C-alpha atoms as a PDB file:
ATOM      1  CA  UNK A   1     -20.838   0.666-103.559  1.00  0.00           C
ATOM      2  CA  UNK A   2     -17.083   0.525-103.230  1.00  0.00           C
ATOM      3  CA  UNK A   3     -17.170   3.924-101.504  1.00  0.00           C
ATOM      4  CA  UNK A   4     -19.531   2.574 -98.781  1.00  0.00           C
ATOM      5  CA  UNK A   5     -17.324  -0.345 -97.797  1.00  0.00           C
ATOM      6  CA  UNK A   6     -15.032   1.698 -95.484  1.00  0.00           C
ATOM      7  CA  UNK A   7     -18.093   3.037 -93.626  1.00  0.00           C
ATOM      8  CA  UNK A   8     -19.655  -0.427 -93.356  1.00  0.00           C
ATOM      9  CA  UNK A   9     -16.408  -1.892 -92.065  1.00  0.00           C
ATOM     10  CA  UNK A  10     -16.046   0.914 -89.527  1.00  0.00           C
ATOM     11  CA  UNK A  11     -19.633   0.409 -88.380  1.00  0.00           C
ATOM     12  CA  UNK A  12     -19.111  -3.312 -87.921  1.00  0.00           C
ATOM     13  CA  UNK A  13     -15.951  -2.695 -85.943  1.00  0.00           C
ATOM     14  CA  UNK A  14     -17.793  -0.215 -83.693  1.00  0.00           C
ATOM     15  CA  UNK A  15     -20.614  -2.705 -83.037  1.00  0.00           C
ATOM     16  CA  UNK A  16     -18.099  -5.446 -82.275  1.00  0.00           C
ATOM     17  CA  UNK A  17     -16.255  -3.214 -79.800  1.00  0.00           C
ATOM     18  CA  UNK A  18     -19.548  -2.326 -78.088  1.00  0.00           C
ATOM     19  CA  UNK A  19     -20.516  -6.003 -77.791  1.00  0.00           C
ATOM     20  CA  UNK A  20     -17.147  -6.901 -76.261  1.00  0.00           C
ATOM     21  CA  UNK A  21     -17.403  -4.043 -73.767  1.00  0.00           C
ATOM     22  CA  UNK A  22     -20.885  -5.152 -72.737  1.00  0.00           C
ATOM     23  CA  UNK A  23     -19.703  -8.716 -72.233  1.00  0.00           C
ATOM     24  CA  UNK A  24     -16.874  -7.554 -69.960  1.00  0.00           C
ATOM     25  CA  UNK A  25     -19.095  -5.289 -67.858  1.00  0.00           C
ATOM     26  CA  UNK A  26     -20.442  -7.097 -64.772  1.00  0.00           C
ATOM     27  CA  UNK A  27     -24.202  -7.235 -64.641  1.00  0.00           C
ATOM     28  CA  UNK A  28     -25.981  -5.281 -61.934  1.00  0.00           C
ATOM     29  CA  UNK A  29     -26.938  -7.504 -59.012  1.00  0.00           C
ATOM     30  CA  UNK A  30     -30.546  -8.626 -58.857  1.00  0.00           C
ATOM     31  CA  UNK A  31     -31.869  -8.400 -55.313  1.00  0.00           C
ATOM     32  CA  UNK A  32     -29.670  -8.576 -52.207  1.00  0.00           C
ATOM     33  CA  UNK A  33     -26.084  -9.790 -52.661  1.00  0.00           C
ATOM     34  CA  UNK A  34     -25.496 -13.456 -51.931  1.00  0.00           C
ATOM     35  CA  UNK A  35     -22.991 -14.332 -49.237  1.00  0.00           C
ATOM     36  CA  UNK A  36     -21.269 -17.694 -49.481  1.00  0.00           C
ATOM     37  CA  UNK A  37     -19.639 -19.668 -46.705  1.00  0.00           C
ATOM     38  CA  UNK A  38     -15.858 -19.680 -46.829  1.00  0.00           C
ATOM     39  CA  UNK A  39     -14.158 -22.747 -48.309  1.00  0.00           C
ATOM     40  CA  UNK A  40     -10.832 -21.884 -46.672  1.00  0.00           C
ATOM     41  CA  UNK A  41      -9.797 -24.988 -44.660  1.00  0.00           C
ATOM     42  CA  UNK A  42      -8.719 -22.669 -41.843  1.00  0.00           C
ATOM     43  CA  UNK A  43     -12.131 -20.967 -41.661  1.00  0.00           C
ATOM     44  CA  UNK A  44     -14.432 -21.673 -38.746  1.00  0.00           C
ATOM     45  CA  UNK A  45     -17.919 -23.142 -39.305  1.00  0.00           C
ATOM     46  CA  UNK A  46     -20.302 -20.453 -40.509  1.00  0.00           C
ATOM     47  CA  UNK A  47     -17.488 -18.071 -41.460  1.00  0.00           C
ATOM     48  CA  UNK A  48     -18.316 -16.215 -44.678  1.00  0.00           C
ATOM     49  CA  UNK A  49     -16.297 -14.851 -47.537  1.00  0.00           C
ATOM     50  CA  UNK A  50     -15.755 -11.121 -47.082  1.00  0.00           C
ATOM     51  CA  UNK A  51     -18.262  -9.003 -48.993  1.00  0.00           C
ATOM     52  CA  UNK A  52     -16.744  -6.063 -50.919  1.00  0.00           C
ATOM     53  CA  UNK A  53     -17.637  -2.730 -49.339  1.00  0.00           C
ATOM     54  CA  UNK A  54     -19.440  -1.475 -52.442  1.00  0.00           C
ATOM     55  CA  UNK A  55     -21.690  -4.545 -52.261  1.00  0.00           C
ATOM     56  CA  UNK A  56     -22.302  -3.900 -48.564  1.00  0.00           C
ATOM     57  CA  UNK A  57     -23.996  -0.654 -49.561  1.00  0.00           C
ATOM     58  CA  UNK A  58     -26.620  -2.593 -51.536  1.00  0.00           C
ATOM     59  CA  UNK A  59     -27.791  -4.717 -48.606  1.00  0.00           C
ATOM     60  CA  UNK A  60     -31.270  -3.718 -47.485  1.00  0.00           C
ATOM     61  CA  UNK A  61     -31.620  -2.279 -43.980  1.00  0.00           C
ATOM     62  CA  UNK A  62     -34.937  -3.959 -43.262  1.00  0.00           C
ATOM     63  CA  UNK A  63     -37.791  -2.561 -41.142  1.00  0.00           C
ATOM     64  CA  UNK A  64     -37.223  -0.164 -38.210  1.00  0.00           C
ATOM     65  CA  UNK A  65     -35.904  -1.655 -34.988  1.00  0.00           C
ATOM     66  CA  UNK A  66     -38.586  -3.271 -32.882  1.00  0.00           C
ATOM     67  CA  UNK A  67     -40.834  -4.042 -35.845  1.00  0.00           C
ATOM     68  CA  UNK A  68     -42.400  -7.493 -35.725  1.00  0.00           C
ATOM     69  CA  UNK A  69     -40.855  -9.723 -38.426  1.00  0.00           C
ATOM     70  CA  UNK A  70     -43.121 -10.524 -41.357  1.00  0.00           C
ATOM     71  CA  UNK A  71     -41.749 -14.044 -41.776  1.00  0.00           C
ATOM     72  CA  UNK A  72     -40.672 -16.715 -39.281  1.00  0.00           C
ATOM     73  CA  UNK A  73     -37.007 -17.137 -38.525  1.00  0.00           C
ATOM     74  CA  UNK A  74     -35.269 -19.944 -40.378  1.00  0.00           C
ATOM     75  CA  UNK A  75     -34.940 -23.150 -38.368  1.00  0.00           C
ATOM     76  CA  UNK A  76     -31.724 -25.139 -38.157  1.00  0.00           C
ATOM     77  CA  UNK A  77     -32.108 -28.909 -37.664  1.00  0.00           C
ATOM     78  CA  UNK A  78     -28.547 -29.266 -36.346  1.00  0.00           C
ATOM     79  CA  UNK A  79     -28.542 -30.772 -32.820  1.00  0.00           C
ATOM     80  CA  UNK A  80     -27.783 -28.016 -30.334  1.00  0.00           C
ATOM     81  CA  UNK A  81     -27.996 -27.152 -26.636  1.00  0.00           C
ATOM     82  CA  UNK A  82     -29.963 -24.046 -27.637  1.00  0.00           C
ATOM     83  CA  UNK A  83     -28.971 -20.419 -27.175  1.00  0.00           C
ATOM     84  CA  UNK A  84     -30.139 -19.878 -23.591  1.00  0.00           C
ATOM     85  CA  UNK A  85     -28.528 -23.044 -22.228  1.00  0.00           C
ATOM     86  CA  UNK A  86     -25.379 -22.349 -24.241  1.00  0.00           C
ATOM     87  CA  UNK A  87     -25.147 -18.888 -22.702  1.00  0.00           C
ATOM     88  CA  UNK A  88     -25.734 -20.280 -19.225  1.00  0.00           C
ATOM     89  CA  UNK A  89     -23.055 -22.933 -19.716  1.00  0.00           C
ATOM     90  CA  UNK A  90     -20.505 -20.401 -20.922  1.00  0.00           C
ATOM     91  CA  UNK A  91     -21.235 -18.181 -17.922  1.00  0.00           C
ATOM     92  CA  UNK A  92     -20.823 -21.112 -15.525  1.00  0.00           C
ATOM     93  CA  UNK A  93     -17.488 -22.043 -17.116  1.00  0.00           C
ATOM     94  CA  UNK A  94     -16.195 -18.485 -16.787  1.00  0.00           C
ATOM     95  CA  UNK A  95     -17.356 -18.257 -13.162  1.00  0.00           C
ATOM     96  CA  UNK A  96     -15.789 -21.607 -12.273  1.00  0.00           C
ATOM     97  CA  UNK A  97     -12.386 -20.431 -13.475  1.00  0.00           C
ATOM     98  CA  UNK A  98     -12.828 -17.028 -11.840  1.00  0.00           C
ATOM     99  CA  UNK A  99     -13.393 -18.742  -8.499  1.00  0.00           C
ATOM    100  CA  UNK A 100      -9.940 -20.313  -8.889  1.00  0.00           C
ATOM    101  CA  UNK A 101      -8.348 -17.007  -9.877  1.00  0.00           C
ATOM    102  CA  UNK A 102      -8.276 -17.514 -13.633  1.00  0.00           C
ATOM    103  CA  UNK A 103      -9.754 -15.263 -16.318  1.00  0.00           C
ATOM    104  CA  UNK A 104     -10.880 -17.337 -19.273  1.00  0.00           C
ATOM    105  CA  UNK A 105     -13.006 -17.062 -22.375  1.00  0.00           C
ATOM    106  CA  UNK A 106     -15.651 -19.676 -23.083  1.00  0.00           C
ATOM    107  CA  UNK A 107     -17.431 -20.757 -26.254  1.00  0.00           C
ATOM    108  CA  UNK A 108     -20.333 -23.129 -26.854  1.00  0.00           C
ATOM    109  CA  UNK A 109     -21.257 -24.542 -30.266  1.00  0.00           C
ATOM    110  CA  UNK A 110     -23.845 -26.843 -31.794  1.00  0.00           C
ATOM    111  CA  UNK A 111     -23.076 -30.303 -33.196  1.00  0.00           C
ATOM    112  CA  UNK A 112     -21.717 -28.781 -36.414  1.00  0.00           C
ATOM    113  CA  UNK A 113     -19.272 -26.525 -34.585  1.00  0.00           C
ATOM    114  CA  UNK A 114     -21.318 -23.378 -35.228  1.00  0.00           C
ATOM    115  CA  UNK A 115     -21.143 -20.833 -32.430  1.00  0.00           C
ATOM    116  CA  UNK A 116     -24.130 -20.564 -30.087  1.00  0.00           C
ATOM    117  CA  UNK A 117     -22.670 -18.408 -27.312  1.00  0.00           C
ATOM    118  CA  UNK A 118     -19.310 -16.997 -26.265  1.00  0.00           C
ATOM    119  CA  UNK A 119     -18.032 -14.855 -23.401  1.00  0.00           C
ATOM    120  CA  UNK A 120     -14.805 -12.872 -23.068  1.00  0.00           C
ATOM    121  CA  UNK A 121     -14.599 -11.218 -19.629  1.00  0.00           C
ATOM    122  CA  UNK A 122     -12.342  -8.251 -18.904  1.00  0.00           C
ATOM    123  CA  UNK A 123      -8.749  -9.431 -18.852  1.00  0.00           C
ATOM    124  CA  UNK A 124      -9.312 -12.315 -21.260  1.00  0.00           C
ATOM    125  CA  UNK A 125      -6.589 -12.965 -23.790  1.00  0.00           C
ATOM    126  CA  UNK A 126      -7.241 -11.339 -27.157  1.00  0.00           C
ATOM    127  CA  UNK A 127      -7.568 -14.656 -28.965  1.00  0.00           C
ATOM    128  CA  UNK A 128      -9.398 -16.419 -26.135  1.00  0.00           C
ATOM    129  CA  UNK A 129     -12.823 -16.808 -27.719  1.00  0.00           C
ATOM    130  CA  UNK A 130     -11.368 -17.816 -31.080  1.00  0.00           C
ATOM    131  CA  UNK A 131      -9.150 -20.457 -29.482  1.00  0.00           C
ATOM    132  CA  UNK A 132     -12.084 -21.811 -27.477  1.00  0.00           C
ATOM    133  CA  UNK A 133     -14.146 -21.993 -30.653  1.00  0.00           C
ATOM    134  CA  UNK A 134     -11.412 -23.911 -32.454  1.00  0.00           C
ATOM    135  CA  UNK A 135     -11.342 -26.389 -29.577  1.00  0.00           C
ATOM    136  CA  UNK A 136     -15.116 -26.830 -29.995  1.00  0.00           C
ATOM    137  CA  UNK A 137     -14.650 -27.532 -33.699  1.00  0.00           C
ATOM    138  CA  UNK A 138     -12.133 -30.239 -32.764  1.00  0.00           C
ATOM    139  CA  UNK A 139     -14.435 -31.755 -30.161  1.00  0.00           C
ATOM    140  CA  UNK A 140     -17.428 -32.108 -32.497  1.00  0.00           C
ATOM    141  CA  UNK A 141     -15.235 -33.554 -35.251  1.00  0.00           C
ATOM    142  CA  UNK A 142     -13.699 -36.266 -33.062  1.00  0.00           C
ATOM    143  CA  UNK A 143     -16.560 -36.534 -30.544  1.00  0.00           C
ATOM    144  CA  UNK A 144     -14.214 -36.498 -27.568  1.00  0.00           C
ATOM    145  CA  UNK A 145     -12.524 -34.001 -25.231  1.00  0.00           C
ATOM    146  CA  UNK A 146      -9.454 -32.321 -26.681  1.00  0.00           C
ATOM    147  CA  UNK A 147      -7.348 -33.636 -23.786  1.00  0.00           C
ATOM    148  CA  UNK A 148      -8.402 -37.210 -24.577  1.00  0.00           C
ATOM    149  CA  UNK A 149      -7.705 -36.601 -28.261  1.00  0.00           C
ATOM    150  CA  UNK A 150      -4.139 -35.528 -27.471  1.00  0.00           C
ATOM    151  CA  UNK A 151      -3.599 -38.807 -25.650  1.00  0.00           C
ATOM    152  CA  UNK A 152      -5.125 -40.759 -28.529  1.00  0.00           C
ATOM    153  CA  UNK A 153      -2.880 -39.038 -31.084  1.00  0.00           C
ATOM    154  CA  UNK A 154       0.162 -39.761 -28.903  1.00  0.00           C
ATOM    155  CA  UNK A 155      -0.752 -43.454 -29.116  1.00  0.00           C
ATOM    156  CA  UNK A 156      -1.616 -43.277 -32.828  1.00  0.00           C
ATOM    157  CA  UNK A 157       0.194 -40.417 -34.646  1.00  0.00           C
ATOM    158  CA  UNK A 158      -1.585 -41.247 -37.920  1.00  0.00           C
ATOM    159  CA  UNK A 159      -4.668 -39.478 -36.500  1.00  0.00           C
ATOM    160  CA  UNK A 160      -2.909 -36.157 -37.101  1.00  0.00           C
ATOM    161  CA  UNK A 161      -3.906 -36.502 -40.745  1.00  0.00           C
ATOM    162  CA  UNK A 162      -7.527 -35.946 -39.662  1.00  0.00           C
ATOM    163  CA  UNK A 163      -6.761 -32.697 -37.830  1.00  0.00           C
ATOM    164  CA  UNK A 164      -7.790 -29.711 -39.963  1.00  0.00           C
ATOM    165  CA  UNK A 165      -6.292 -26.181 -39.980  1.00  0.00           C
ATOM    166  CA  UNK A 166      -9.329 -24.716 -38.167  1.00  0.00           C
ATOM    167  CA  UNK A 167      -8.905 -27.032 -35.181  1.00  0.00           C
ATOM    168  CA  UNK A 168      -6.939 -26.757 -31.937  1.00  0.00           C
ATOM    169  CA  UNK A 169      -5.330 -29.582 -29.995  1.00  0.00           C
ATOM    170  CA  UNK A 170      -5.059 -27.582 -26.790  1.00  0.00           C
ATOM    171  CA  UNK A 171      -6.946 -29.077 -23.822  1.00  0.00           C
ATOM    172  CA  UNK A 172     -10.085 -27.456 -22.462  1.00  0.00           C
ATOM    173  CA  UNK A 173     -12.835 -28.591 -24.854  1.00  0.00           C
ATOM    174  CA  UNK A 174     -15.453 -31.234 -24.057  1.00  0.00           C
ATOM    175  CA  UNK A 175     -18.511 -32.595 -25.898  1.00  0.00           C
ATOM    176  CA  UNK A 176     -22.090 -31.791 -24.892  1.00  0.00           C
ATOM    177  CA  UNK A 177     -23.999 -35.070 -25.006  1.00  0.00           C
ATOM    178  CA  UNK A 178     -27.613 -36.066 -24.416  1.00  0.00           C
ATOM    179  CA  UNK A 179     -27.386 -39.818 -24.069  1.00  0.00           C
ATOM    180  CA  UNK A 180     -25.607 -40.996 -27.215  1.00  0.00           C
ATOM    181  CA  UNK A 181     -26.465 -37.847 -29.185  1.00  0.00           C
ATOM    182  CA  UNK A 182     -23.855 -35.125 -29.678  1.00  0.00           C
ATOM    183  CA  UNK A 183     -25.458 -31.711 -29.186  1.00  0.00           C
ATOM    184  CA  UNK A 184     -22.329 -29.588 -29.377  1.00  0.00           C
ATOM    185  CA  UNK A 185     -19.238 -28.640 -27.420  1.00  0.00           C
ATOM    186  CA  UNK A 186     -18.066 -26.260 -24.719  1.00  0.00           C
ATOM    187  CA  UNK A 187     -14.515 -25.001 -24.291  1.00  0.00           C
ATOM    188  CA  UNK A 188     -12.570 -22.645 -22.076  1.00  0.00           C
ATOM    189  CA  UNK A 189      -9.346 -20.846 -22.973  1.00  0.00           C
ATOM    190  CA  UNK A 190      -6.918 -18.767 -20.935  1.00  0.00           C
ATOM    191  CA  UNK A 191      -5.810 -20.977 -18.038  1.00  0.00           C
ATOM    192  CA  UNK A 192      -3.744 -24.109 -17.458  1.00  0.00           C
ATOM    193  CA  UNK A 193      -4.889 -27.230 -19.314  1.00  0.00           C
ATOM    194  CA  UNK A 194      -6.579 -29.091 -16.462  1.00  0.00           C
ATOM    195  CA  UNK A 195      -8.151 -25.908 -15.146  1.00  0.00           C
ATOM    196  CA  UNK A 196      -9.693 -25.177 -18.542  1.00  0.00           C
ATOM    197  CA  UNK A 197     -11.174 -28.673 -18.724  1.00  0.00           C
ATOM    198  CA  UNK A 198     -12.469 -28.369 -15.141  1.00  0.00           C
ATOM    199  CA  UNK A 199     -14.254 -25.116 -16.017  1.00  0.00           C
ATOM    200  CA  UNK A 200     -15.707 -26.526 -19.242  1.00  0.00           C
ATOM    201  CA  UNK A 201     -17.068 -29.460 -17.236  1.00  0.00           C
ATOM    202  CA  UNK A 202     -18.602 -27.014 -14.754  1.00  0.00           C
ATOM    203  CA  UNK A 203     -20.374 -25.297 -17.626  1.00  0.00           C
ATOM    204  CA  UNK A 204     -21.713 -28.592 -18.923  1.00  0.00           C
ATOM    205  CA  UNK A 205     -22.813 -29.710 -15.465  1.00  0.00           C
ATOM    206  CA  UNK A 206     -24.837 -26.515 -15.099  1.00  0.00           C
ATOM    207  CA  UNK A 207     -27.094 -27.431 -18.040  1.00  0.00           C
ATOM    208  CA  UNK A 208     -26.782 -31.209 -18.355  1.00  0.00           C
ATOM    209  CA  UNK A 209     -30.119 -32.103 -16.747  1.00  0.00           C
ATOM    210  CA  UNK A 210     -32.018 -29.651 -18.968  1.00  0.00           C
ATOM    211  CA  UNK A 211     -30.653 -30.691 -22.345  1.00  0.00           C
ATOM    212  CA  UNK A 212     -33.289 -31.794 -24.842  1.00  0.00           C
END
């Protein structure tokens, strides 16, 4: 019996090592990988945490292009101008600035600051769309134009504590309202302050009567 003890001890040690190794090995993913929204305070609404490239290879490709979906698209209850009106508003904002000789980017979001449509014409600044989107995020948070917010902060500097890292205090963003209901925001970026606001207003005016 004494002669078996070394073998028993060795066997127990081997089993223990195997158990530890199994515990440290990540389990294989079940189904498609889950993507979580970023918690970075500088992230924009709807921005997701980067998915590792090896996980990207496990994402299903779905049916061939043009195949009718087998399930209805998910609905979002967030108040919004809707995609088609958002696109039309962005186009009108860009065209308004172009008529004055400015090349700007435009972005339209829903009431949560999530992007609905954006345009970046040839000659737009590299960060134009992103800056416009950050203005939209500011507008929906404070429910006022960014130009008006600047004036309000000048009168009450304590409001700066409410400004988050993903916002912009540059002028050019205005709210999209239907009566007293906030539906989203539209912003322009790439021109002088008052020109940007003028173009954003032109975009809103284009769709205002058709908002639901």
